[in-house]
Amino acid sequence: VVGVLFFPVGKNPGRTPTEEQFAQVVK
């Protein structure tokens, strides 16, 4: 089984992610 997770668009300027998004994706 191959699991694929598409990450959300970054919320910071320039589309960079926040620490909260890091945690969301890790979860």
mmCIF file of all heavy atoms, coordinates in Angstrom:
data_MODEL
# 
_entry.id   MODEL 
# 
loop_
_atom_site.group_PDB 
_atom_site.id 
_atom_site.type_symbol 
_atom_site.label_atom_id 
_atom_site.label_alt_id 
_atom_site.label_comp_id 
_atom_site.label_asym_id 
_atom_site.label_entity_id 
_atom_site.label_seq_id 
_atom_site.pdbx_PDB_ins_code 
_atom_site.Cartn_x 
_atom_site.Cartn_y 
_atom_site.Cartn_z 
_atom_site.occupancy 
_atom_site.B_iso_or_equiv 
_atom_site.pdbx_formal_charge 
_atom_site.auth_seq_id 
_atom_site.auth_comp_id 
_atom_site.auth_asym_id 
_atom_site.auth_atom_id 
_atom_site.pdbx_PDB_model_num 
ATOM 1   N N   . VAL A 1 1  ? 0.849  -1.197 0.000  1.00 0.00 ? 1  VAL A N   1 
ATOM 2   C CA  . VAL A 1 1  ? 0.000  0.000  0.000  1.00 0.00 ? 1  VAL A CA  1 
ATOM 3   C C   . VAL A 1 1  ? 0.884  1.246  0.000  1.00 0.00 ? 1  VAL A C   1 
ATOM 4   O O   . VAL A 1 1  ? 1.770  1.393  0.858  1.00 0.00 ? 1  VAL A O   1 
ATOM 5   C CB  . VAL A 1 1  ? -0.932 0.015  1.221  1.00 0.00 ? 1  VAL A CB  1 
ATOM 6   C CG1 . VAL A 1 1  ? -1.779 1.292  1.223  1.00 0.00 ? 1  VAL A CG1 1 
ATOM 7   C CG2 . VAL A 1 1  ? -1.838 -1.209 1.224  1.00 0.00 ? 1  VAL A CG2 1 
ATOM 8   N N   . VAL A 1 2  ? 0.659  2.127  -0.957 1.00 0.00 ? 2  VAL A N   1 
ATOM 9   C CA  . VAL A 1 2  ? 1.378  3.395  -1.039 1.00 0.00 ? 2  VAL A CA  1 
ATOM 10  C C   . VAL A 1 2  ? 0.438  4.501  -0.575 1.00 0.00 ? 2  VAL A C   1 
ATOM 11  O O   . VAL A 1 2  ? -0.639 4.692  -1.143 1.00 0.00 ? 2  VAL A O   1 
ATOM 12  C CB  . VAL A 1 2  ? 1.867  3.679  -2.468 1.00 0.00 ? 2  VAL A CB  1 
ATOM 13  C CG1 . VAL A 1 2  ? 2.543  5.054  -2.531 1.00 0.00 ? 2  VAL A CG1 1 
ATOM 14  C CG2 . VAL A 1 2  ? 2.831  2.589  -2.925 1.00 0.00 ? 2  VAL A CG2 1 
ATOM 15  N N   . GLY A 1 3  ? 0.846  5.201  0.466  1.00 0.00 ? 3  GLY A N   1 
ATOM 16  C CA  . GLY A 1 3  ? 0.074  6.334  0.960  1.00 0.00 ? 3  GLY A CA  1 
ATOM 17  C C   . GLY A 1 3  ? 0.682  7.644  0.478  1.00 0.00 ? 3  GLY A C   1 
ATOM 18  O O   . GLY A 1 3  ? 1.896  7.847  0.601  1.00 0.00 ? 3  GLY A O   1 
ATOM 19  N N   . VAL A 1 4  ? -0.139 8.505  -0.090 1.00 0.00 ? 4  VAL A N   1 
ATOM 20  C CA  . VAL A 1 4  ? 0.314  9.794  -0.613 1.00 0.00 ? 4  VAL A CA  1 
ATOM 21  C C   . VAL A 1 4  ? -0.400 10.894 0.158  1.00 0.00 ? 4  VAL A C   1 
ATOM 22  O O   . VAL A 1 4  ? -1.628 10.866 0.296  1.00 0.00 ? 4  VAL A O   1 
ATOM 23  C CB  . VAL A 1 4  ? 0.014  9.926  -2.118 1.00 0.00 ? 4  VAL A CB  1 
ATOM 24  C CG1 . VAL A 1 4  ? 0.456  11.294 -2.631 1.00 0.00 ? 4  VAL A CG1 1 
ATOM 25  C CG2 . VAL A 1 4  ? 0.692  8.811  -2.896 1.00 0.00 ? 4  VAL A CG2 1 
ATOM 26  N N   . LEU A 1 5  ? 0.372  11.846 0.681  1.00 0.00 ? 5  LEU A N   1 
ATOM 27  C CA  . LEU A 1 5  ? -0.219 12.988 1.369  1.00 0.00 ? 5  LEU A CA  1 
ATOM 28  C C   . LEU A 1 5  ? 0.132  14.261 0.610  1.00 0.00 ? 5  LEU A C   1 
ATOM 29  O O   . LEU A 1 5  ? 1.308  14.616 0.478  1.00 0.00 ? 5  LEU A O   1 
ATOM 30  C CB  . LEU A 1 5  ? 0.290  13.092 2.806  1.00 0.00 ? 5  LEU A CB  1 
ATOM 31  C CG  . LEU A 1 5  ? -0.451 14.134 3.659  1.00 0.00 ? 5  LEU A CG  1 
ATOM 32  C CD1 . LEU A 1 5  ? -1.851 13.624 4.011  1.00 0.00 ? 5  LEU A CD1 1 
ATOM 33  C CD2 . LEU A 1 5  ? 0.319  14.469 4.930  1.00 0.00 ? 5  LEU A CD2 1 
ATOM 34  N N   . PHE A 1 6  ? -0.891 14.941 0.111  1.00 0.00 ? 6  PHE A N   1 
ATOM 35  C CA  . PHE A 1 6  ? -0.693 16.226 -0.555 1.00 0.00 ? 6  PHE A CA  1 
ATOM 36  C C   . PHE A 1 6  ? -0.713 17.321 0.509  1.00 0.00 ? 6  PHE A C   1 
ATOM 37  O O   . PHE A 1 6  ? -1.694 17.473 1.230  1.00 0.00 ? 6  PHE A O   1 
ATOM 38  C CB  . PHE A 1 6  ? -1.783 16.459 -1.589 1.00 0.00 ? 6  PHE A CB  1 
ATOM 39  C CG  . PHE A 1 6  ? -1.707 15.541 -2.774 1.00 0.00 ? 6  PHE A CG  1 
ATOM 40  C CD1 . PHE A 1 6  ? -2.566 14.456 -2.897 1.00 0.00 ? 6  PHE A CD1 1 
ATOM 41  C CD2 . PHE A 1 6  ? -0.760 15.746 -3.763 1.00 0.00 ? 6  PHE A CD2 1 
ATOM 42  C CE1 . PHE A 1 6  ? -2.493 13.604 -3.990 1.00 0.00 ? 6  PHE A CE1 1 
ATOM 43  C CE2 . PHE A 1 6  ? -0.665 14.898 -4.858 1.00 0.00 ? 6  PHE A CE2 1 
ATOM 44  C CZ  . PHE A 1 6  ? -1.540 13.817 -4.969 1.00 0.00 ? 6  PHE A CZ  1 
ATOM 45  N N   . PHE A 1 7  ? 0.388  18.071 0.604  1.00 0.00 ? 7  PHE A N   1 
ATOM 46  C CA  . PHE A 1 7  ? 0.515  19.108 1.623  1.00 0.00 ? 7  PHE A CA  1 
ATOM 47  C C   . PHE A 1 7  ? -0.330 20.330 1.244  1.00 0.00 ? 7  PHE A C   1 
ATOM 48  O O   . PHE A 1 7  ? -0.508 20.631 0.065  1.00 0.00 ? 7  PHE A O   1 
ATOM 49  C CB  . PHE A 1 7  ? 1.970  19.555 1.761  1.00 0.00 ? 7  PHE A CB  1 
ATOM 50  C CG  . PHE A 1 7  ? 2.913  18.498 2.260  1.00 0.00 ? 7  PHE A CG  1 
ATOM 51  C CD1 . PHE A 1 7  ? 2.492  17.205 2.536  1.00 0.00 ? 7  PHE A CD1 1 
ATOM 52  C CD2 . PHE A 1 7  ? 4.255  18.799 2.462  1.00 0.00 ? 7  PHE A CD2 1 
ATOM 53  C CE1 . PHE A 1 7  ? 3.379  16.235 2.994  1.00 0.00 ? 7  PHE A CE1 1 
ATOM 54  C CE2 . PHE A 1 7  ? 5.149  17.847 2.920  1.00 0.00 ? 7  PHE A CE2 1 
ATOM 55  C CZ  . PHE A 1 7  ? 4.711  16.555 3.177  1.00 0.00 ? 7  PHE A CZ  1 
ATOM 56  N N   . PRO A 1 8  ? -0.817 21.071 2.233  1.00 0.00 ? 8  PRO A N   1 
ATOM 57  C CA  . PRO A 1 8  ? -1.568 22.294 1.935  1.00 0.00 ? 8  PRO A CA  1 
ATOM 58  C C   . PRO A 1 8  ? -0.638 23.402 1.449  1.00 0.00 ? 8  PRO A C   1 
ATOM 59  O O   . PRO A 1 8  ? 0.581  23.349 1.636  1.00 0.00 ? 8  PRO A O   1 
ATOM 60  C CB  . PRO A 1 8  ? -2.185 22.655 3.288  1.00 0.00 ? 8  PRO A CB  1 
ATOM 61  C CG  . PRO A 1 8  ? -1.224 22.097 4.289  1.00 0.00 ? 8  PRO A CG  1 
ATOM 62  C CD  . PRO A 1 8  ? -0.709 20.816 3.676  1.00 0.00 ? 8  PRO A CD  1 
ATOM 63  N N   . VAL A 1 9  ? -1.228 24.401 0.830  1.00 0.00 ? 9  VAL A N   1 
ATOM 64  C CA  . VAL A 1 9  ? -0.456 25.570 0.399  1.00 0.00 ? 9  VAL A CA  1 
ATOM 65  C C   . VAL A 1 9  ? 0.065  26.303 1.621  1.00 0.00 ? 9  VAL A C   1 
ATOM 66  O O   . VAL A 1 9  ? -0.641 26.461 2.622  1.00 0.00 ? 9  VAL A O   1 
ATOM 67  C CB  . VAL A 1 9  ? -1.339 26.503 -0.452 1.00 0.00 ? 9  VAL A CB  1 
ATOM 68  C CG1 . VAL A 1 9  ? -0.603 27.799 -0.772 1.00 0.00 ? 9  VAL A CG1 1 
ATOM 69  C CG2 . VAL A 1 9  ? -1.766 25.816 -1.726 1.00 0.00 ? 9  VAL A CG2 1 
ATOM 70  N N   . GLY A 1 10 ? 1.327  26.756 1.579  1.00 0.00 ? 10 GLY A N   1 
ATOM 71  C CA  . GLY A 1 10 ? 1.908  27.489 2.695  1.00 0.00 ? 10 GLY A CA  1 
ATOM 72  C C   . GLY A 1 10 ? 1.170  28.784 2.965  1.00 0.00 ? 10 GLY A C   1 
ATOM 73  O O   . GLY A 1 10 ? 0.704  29.460 2.045  1.00 0.00 ? 10 GLY A O   1 
ATOM 74  N N   . LYS A 1 11 ? 1.069  29.137 4.249  1.00 0.00 ? 11 LYS A N   1 
ATOM 75  C CA  . LYS A 1 11 ? 0.315  30.333 4.639  1.00 0.00 ? 11 LYS A CA  1 
ATOM 76  C C   . LYS A 1 11 ? 1.179  31.588 4.733  1.00 0.00 ? 11 LYS A C   1 
ATOM 77  O O   . LYS A 1 11 ? 0.649  32.696 4.746  1.00 0.00 ? 11 LYS A O   1 
ATOM 78  C CB  . LYS A 1 11 ? -0.375 30.091 5.988  1.00 0.00 ? 11 LYS A CB  1 
ATOM 79  C CG  . LYS A 1 11 ? -1.473 29.042 5.933  1.00 0.00 ? 11 LYS A CG  1 
ATOM 80  C CD  . LYS A 1 11 ? -2.151 28.885 7.281  1.00 0.00 ? 11 LYS A CD  1 
ATOM 81  C CE  . LYS A 1 11 ? -3.284 27.854 7.205  1.00 0.00 ? 11 LYS A CE  1 
ATOM 82  N NZ  . LYS A 1 11 ? -3.946 27.674 8.524  1.00 0.00 ? 11 LYS A NZ  1 
ATOM 83  N N   . ASN A 1 12 ? 2.490  31.430 4.815  1.00 0.00 ? 12 ASN A N   1 
ATOM 84  C CA  . ASN A 1 12 ? 3.360  32.595 4.897  1.00 0.00 ? 12 ASN A CA  1 
ATOM 85  C C   . ASN A 1 12 ? 3.540  33.222 3.512  1.00 0.00 ? 12 ASN A C   1 
ATOM 86  O O   . ASN A 1 12 ? 3.299  32.570 2.494  1.00 0.00 ? 12 ASN A O   1 
ATOM 87  C CB  . ASN A 1 12 ? 4.728  32.200 5.463  1.00 0.00 ? 12 ASN A CB  1 
ATOM 88  C CG  . ASN A 1 12 ? 4.680  31.947 6.954  1.00 0.00 ? 12 ASN A CG  1 
ATOM 89  O OD1 . ASN A 1 12 ? 3.943  32.595 7.681  1.00 0.00 ? 12 ASN A OD1 1 
ATOM 90  N ND2 . ASN A 1 12 ? 5.476  31.005 7.420  1.00 0.00 ? 12 ASN A ND2 1 
ATOM 91  N N   . PRO A 1 13 ? 3.982  34.483 3.452  1.00 0.00 ? 13 PRO A N   1 
ATOM 92  C CA  . PRO A 1 13 ? 4.263  35.101 2.148  1.00 0.00 ? 13 PRO A CA  1 
ATOM 93  C C   . PRO A 1 13 ? 5.235  34.249 1.342  1.00 0.00 ? 13 PRO A C   1 
ATOM 94  O O   . PRO A 1 13 ? 6.181  33.678 1.886  1.00 0.00 ? 13 PRO A O   1 
ATOM 95  C CB  . PRO A 1 13 ? 4.881  36.452 2.533  1.00 0.00 ? 13 PRO A CB  1 
ATOM 96  C CG  . PRO A 1 13 ? 4.313  36.751 3.891  1.00 0.00 ? 13 PRO A CG  1 
ATOM 97  C CD  . PRO A 1 13 ? 4.189  35.417 4.573  1.00 0.00 ? 13 PRO A CD  1 
ATOM 98  N N   . GLY A 1 14 ? 4.993  34.138 0.043  1.00 0.00 ? 14 GLY A N   1 
ATOM 99  C CA  . GLY A 1 14 ? 5.834  33.295 -0.790 1.00 0.00 ? 14 GLY A CA  1 
ATOM 100 C C   . GLY A 1 14 ? 5.477  31.833 -0.695 1.00 0.00 ? 14 GLY A C   1 
ATOM 101 O O   . GLY A 1 14 ? 6.248  30.979 -1.134 1.00 0.00 ? 14 GLY A O   1 
ATOM 102 N N   . ARG A 1 15 ? 4.335  31.521 -0.076 1.00 0.00 ? 15 ARG A N   1 
ATOM 103 C CA  . ARG A 1 15 ? 3.823  30.153 0.021  1.00 0.00 ? 15 ARG A CA  1 
ATOM 104 C C   . ARG A 1 15 ? 4.615  29.283 0.990  1.00 0.00 ? 15 ARG A C   1 
ATOM 105 O O   . ARG A 1 15 ? 4.489  28.070 0.980  1.00 0.00 ? 15 ARG A O   1 
ATOM 106 C CB  . ARG A 1 15 ? 3.797  29.480 -1.354 1.00 0.00 ? 15 ARG A CB  1 
ATOM 107 C CG  . ARG A 1 15 ? 2.952  30.179 -2.373 1.00 0.00 ? 15 ARG A CG  1 
ATOM 108 C CD  . ARG A 1 15 ? 3.072  29.543 -3.739 1.00 0.00 ? 15 ARG A CD  1 
ATOM 109 N NE  . ARG A 1 15 ? 2.450  28.241 -3.796 1.00 0.00 ? 15 ARG A NE  1 
ATOM 110 C CZ  . ARG A 1 15 ? 2.522  27.436 -4.846 1.00 0.00 ? 15 ARG A CZ  1 
ATOM 111 N NH1 . ARG A 1 15 ? 3.209  27.799 -5.906 1.00 0.00 ? 15 ARG A NH1 1 
ATOM 112 N NH2 . ARG A 1 15 ? 1.918  26.277 -4.851 1.00 0.00 ? 15 ARG A NH2 1 
ATOM 113 N N   . THR A 1 16 ? 5.467  29.850 1.823  1.00 0.00 ? 16 THR A N   1 
ATOM 114 C CA  . THR A 1 16 ? 6.208  29.024 2.772  1.00 0.00 ? 16 THR A CA  1 
ATOM 115 C C   . THR A 1 16 ? 5.289  28.605 3.915  1.00 0.00 ? 16 THR A C   1 
ATOM 116 O O   . THR A 1 16 ? 4.372  29.325 4.298  1.00 0.00 ? 16 THR A O   1 
ATOM 117 C CB  . THR A 1 16 ? 7.433  29.767 3.329  1.00 0.00 ? 16 THR A CB  1 
ATOM 118 O OG1 . THR A 1 16 ? 6.987  30.971 3.973  1.00 0.00 ? 16 THR A OG1 1 
ATOM 119 C CG2 . THR A 1 16 ? 8.408  30.117 2.223  1.00 0.00 ? 16 THR A CG2 1 
ATOM 120 N N   . PRO A 1 17 ? 5.522  27.425 4.478  1.00 0.00 ? 17 PRO A N   1 
ATOM 121 C CA  . PRO A 1 17 ? 4.631  26.908 5.514  1.00 0.00 ? 17 PRO A CA  1 
ATOM 122 C C   . PRO A 1 17 ? 4.938  27.492 6.889  1.00 0.00 ? 17 PRO A C   1 
ATOM 123 O O   . PRO A 1 17 ? 6.020  28.027 7.146  1.00 0.00 ? 17 PRO A O   1 
ATOM 124 C CB  . PRO A 1 17 ? 4.919  25.404 5.496  1.00 0.00 ? 17 PRO A CB  1 
ATOM 125 C CG  . PRO A 1 17 ? 6.354  25.318 5.044  1.00 0.00 ? 17 PRO A CG  1 
ATOM 126 C CD  . PRO A 1 17 ? 6.542  26.451 4.061  1.00 0.00 ? 17 PRO A CD  1 
ATOM 127 N N   . THR A 1 18 ? 3.981  27.365 7.793  1.00 0.00 ? 18 THR A N   1 
ATOM 128 C CA  . THR A 1 18 ? 4.154  27.767 9.190  1.00 0.00 ? 18 THR A CA  1 
ATOM 129 C C   . THR A 1 18 ? 4.488  26.537 10.023 1.00 0.00 ? 18 THR A C   1 
ATOM 130 O O   . THR A 1 18 ? 4.327  25.387 9.582  1.00 0.00 ? 18 THR A O   1 
ATOM 131 C CB  . THR A 1 18 ? 2.856  28.396 9.723  1.00 0.00 ? 18 THR A CB  1 
ATOM 132 O OG1 . THR A 1 18 ? 1.817  27.398 9.701  1.00 0.00 ? 18 THR A OG1 1 
ATOM 133 C CG2 . THR A 1 18 ? 2.438  29.586 8.874  1.00 0.00 ? 18 THR A CG2 1 
ATOM 134 N N   . GLU A 1 19 ? 4.933  26.760 11.252 1.00 0.00 ? 19 GLU A N   1 
ATOM 135 C CA  . GLU A 1 19 ? 5.198  25.644 12.159 1.00 0.00 ? 19 GLU A CA  1 
ATOM 136 C C   . GLU A 1 19 ? 3.912  24.859 12.431 1.00 0.00 ? 19 GLU A C   1 
ATOM 137 O O   . GLU A 1 19 ? 3.934  23.634 12.584 1.00 0.00 ? 19 GLU A O   1 
ATOM 138 C CB  . GLU A 1 19 ? 5.794  26.157 13.471 1.00 0.00 ? 19 GLU A CB  1 
ATOM 139 C CG  . GLU A 1 19 ? 7.227  26.639 13.360 1.00 0.00 ? 19 GLU A CG  1 
ATOM 140 C CD  . GLU A 1 19 ? 8.215  25.510 13.091 1.00 0.00 ? 19 GLU A CD  1 
ATOM 141 O OE1 . GLU A 1 19 ? 7.929  24.365 13.507 1.00 0.00 ? 19 GLU A OE1 1 
ATOM 142 O OE2 . GLU A 1 19 ? 9.258  25.772 12.471 1.00 0.00 ? 19 GLU A OE2 1 
ATOM 143 N N   . GLU A 1 20 ? 2.784  25.571 12.489 1.00 0.00 ? 20 GLU A N   1 
ATOM 144 C CA  . GLU A 1 20 ? 1.502  24.896 12.693 1.00 0.00 ? 20 GLU A CA  1 
ATOM 145 C C   . GLU A 1 20 ? 1.192  23.964 11.522 1.00 0.00 ? 20 GLU A C   1 
ATOM 146 O O   . GLU A 1 20 ? 0.650  22.859 11.717 1.00 0.00 ? 20 GLU A O   1 
ATOM 147 C CB  . GLU A 1 20 ? 0.378  25.928 12.847 1.00 0.00 ? 20 GLU A CB  1 
ATOM 148 C CG  . GLU A 1 20 ? 0.405  26.716 14.139 1.00 0.00 ? 20 GLU A CG  1 
ATOM 149 C CD  . GLU A 1 20 ? 1.455  27.830 14.141 1.00 0.00 ? 20 GLU A CD  1 
ATOM 150 O OE1 . GLU A 1 20 ? 2.006  28.153 13.051 1.00 0.00 ? 20 GLU A OE1 1 
ATOM 151 O OE2 . GLU A 1 20 ? 1.723  28.373 15.229 1.00 0.00 ? 20 GLU A OE2 1 
ATOM 152 N N   . GLN A 1 21 ? 1.553  24.371 10.314 1.00 0.00 ? 21 GLN A N   1 
ATOM 153 C CA  . GLN A 1 21 ? 1.340  23.505 9.161  1.00 0.00 ? 21 GLN A CA  1 
ATOM 154 C C   . GLN A 1 21 ? 2.276  22.303 9.188  1.00 0.00 ? 21 GLN A C   1 
ATOM 155 O O   . GLN A 1 21 ? 1.888  21.202 8.792  1.00 0.00 ? 21 GLN A O   1 
ATOM 156 C CB  . GLN A 1 21 ? 1.510  24.301 7.866  1.00 0.00 ? 21 GLN A CB  1 
ATOM 157 C CG  . GLN A 1 21 ? 0.352  25.248 7.598  1.00 0.00 ? 21 GLN A CG  1 
ATOM 158 C CD  . GLN A 1 21 ? 0.472  25.921 6.252  1.00 0.00 ? 21 GLN A CD  1 
ATOM 159 O OE1 . GLN A 1 21 ? 1.437  26.640 5.988  1.00 0.00 ? 21 GLN A OE1 1 
ATOM 160 N NE2 . GLN A 1 21 ? -0.505 25.692 5.383  1.00 0.00 ? 21 GLN A NE2 1 
ATOM 161 N N   . PHE A 1 22 ? 3.504  22.507 9.644  1.00 0.00 ? 22 PHE A N   1 
ATOM 162 C CA  . PHE A 1 22 ? 4.404  21.361 9.839  1.00 0.00 ? 22 PHE A CA  1 
ATOM 163 C C   . PHE A 1 22 ? 3.736  20.322 10.724 1.00 0.00 ? 22 PHE A C   1 
ATOM 164 O O   . PHE A 1 22 ? 3.698  19.124 10.409 1.00 0.00 ? 22 PHE A O   1 
ATOM 165 C CB  . PHE A 1 22 ? 5.719  21.811 10.474 1.00 0.00 ? 22 PHE A CB  1 
ATOM 166 C CG  . PHE A 1 22 ? 6.687  22.487 9.536  1.00 0.00 ? 22 PHE A CG  1 
ATOM 167 C CD1 . PHE A 1 22 ? 7.894  22.978 10.016 1.00 0.00 ? 22 PHE A CD1 1 
ATOM 168 C CD2 . PHE A 1 22 ? 6.412  22.627 8.188  1.00 0.00 ? 22 PHE A CD2 1 
ATOM 169 C CE1 . PHE A 1 22 ? 8.805  23.598 9.168  1.00 0.00 ? 22 PHE A CE1 1 
ATOM 170 C CE2 . PHE A 1 22 ? 7.306  23.246 7.331  1.00 0.00 ? 22 PHE A CE2 1 
ATOM 171 C CZ  . PHE A 1 22 ? 8.505  23.731 7.824  1.00 0.00 ? 22 PHE A CZ  1 
ATOM 172 N N   . ALA A 1 23 ? 3.204  20.777 11.863 1.00 0.00 ? 23 ALA A N   1 
ATOM 173 C CA  . ALA A 1 23 ? 2.575  19.868 12.826 1.00 0.00 ? 23 ALA A CA  1 
ATOM 174 C C   . ALA A 1 23 ? 1.346  19.199 12.220 1.00 0.00 ? 23 ALA A C   1 
ATOM 175 O O   . ALA A 1 23 ? 1.098  18.002 12.432 1.00 0.00 ? 23 ALA A O   1 
ATOM 176 C CB  . ALA A 1 23 ? 2.196  20.631 14.092 1.00 0.00 ? 23 ALA A CB  1 
ATOM 177 N N   . GLN A 1 24 ? 0.568  19.954 11.456 1.00 0.00 ? 24 GLN A N   1 
ATOM 178 C CA  . GLN A 1 24 ? -0.632 19.417 10.814 1.00 0.00 ? 24 GLN A CA  1 
ATOM 179 C C   . GLN A 1 24 ? -0.273 18.302 9.834  1.00 0.00 ? 24 GLN A C   1 
ATOM 180 O O   . GLN A 1 24 ? -0.925 17.241 9.798  1.00 0.00 ? 24 GLN A O   1 
ATOM 181 C CB  . GLN A 1 24 ? -1.355 20.555 10.082 1.00 0.00 ? 24 GLN A CB  1 
ATOM 182 C CG  . GLN A 1 24 ? -2.631 20.165 9.368  1.00 0.00 ? 24 GLN A CG  1 
ATOM 183 C CD  . GLN A 1 24 ? -3.194 21.302 8.522  1.00 0.00 ? 24 GLN A CD  1 
ATOM 184 O OE1 . GLN A 1 24 ? -2.433 22.097 7.959  1.00 0.00 ? 24 GLN A OE1 1 
ATOM 185 N NE2 . GLN A 1 24 ? -4.510 21.392 8.433  1.00 0.00 ? 24 GLN A NE2 1 
ATOM 186 N N   . VAL A 1 25 ? 0.771  18.514 9.049  1.00 0.00 ? 25 VAL A N   1 
ATOM 187 C CA  . VAL A 1 25 ? 1.186  17.539 8.054  1.00 0.00 ? 25 VAL A CA  1 
ATOM 188 C C   . VAL A 1 25 ? 1.787  16.303 8.726  1.00 0.00 ? 25 VAL A C   1 
ATOM 189 O O   . VAL A 1 25 ? 1.538  15.163 8.298  1.00 0.00 ? 25 VAL A O   1 
ATOM 190 C CB  . VAL A 1 25 ? 2.184  18.181 7.070  1.00 0.00 ? 25 VAL A CB  1 
ATOM 191 C CG1 . VAL A 1 25 ? 2.895  17.133 6.238  1.00 0.00 ? 25 VAL A CG1 1 
ATOM 192 C CG2 . VAL A 1 25 ? 1.452  19.162 6.164  1.00 0.00 ? 25 VAL A CG2 1 
ATOM 193 N N   . VAL A 1 26 ? 2.581  16.495 9.773  1.00 0.00 ? 26 VAL A N   1 
ATOM 194 C CA  . VAL A 1 26 ? 3.159  15.358 10.499 1.00 0.00 ? 26 VAL A CA  1 
ATOM 195 C C   . VAL A 1 26 ? 2.054  14.491 11.099 1.00 0.00 ? 26 VAL A C   1 
ATOM 196 O O   . VAL A 1 26 ? 2.100  13.257 11.038 1.00 0.00 ? 26 VAL A O   1 
ATOM 197 C CB  . VAL A 1 26 ? 4.122  15.850 11.598 1.00 0.00 ? 26 VAL A CB  1 
ATOM 198 C CG1 . VAL A 1 26 ? 4.476  14.715 12.563 1.00 0.00 ? 26 VAL A CG1 1 
ATOM 199 C CG2 . VAL A 1 26 ? 5.389  16.412 10.959 1.00 0.00 ? 26 VAL A CG2 1 
ATOM 200 N N   . LYS A 1 27 ? 1.037  15.117 11.675 1.00 0.00 ? 27 LYS A N   1 
ATOM 201 C CA  . LYS A 1 27 ? -0.082 14.371 12.253 1.00 0.00 ? 27 LYS A CA  1 
ATOM 202 C C   . LYS A 1 27 ? -0.790 13.535 11.186 1.00 0.00 ? 27 LYS A C   1 
ATOM 203 O O   . LYS A 1 27 ? -1.078 12.349 11.396 1.00 0.00 ? 27 LYS A O   1 
ATOM 204 C CB  . LYS A 1 27 ? -1.068 15.338 12.912 1.00 0.00 ? 27 LYS A CB  1 
ATOM 205 C CG  . LYS A 1 27 ? -2.259 14.652 13.566 1.00 0.00 ? 27 LYS A CG  1 
ATOM 206 C CD  . LYS A 1 27 ? -3.177 15.672 14.243 1.00 0.00 ? 27 LYS A CD  1 
ATOM 207 C CE  . LYS A 1 27 ? -4.379 14.988 14.894 1.00 0.00 ? 27 LYS A CE  1 
ATOM 208 N NZ  . LYS A 1 27 ? -5.280 15.991 15.547 1.00 0.00 ? 27 LYS A NZ  1 
# 
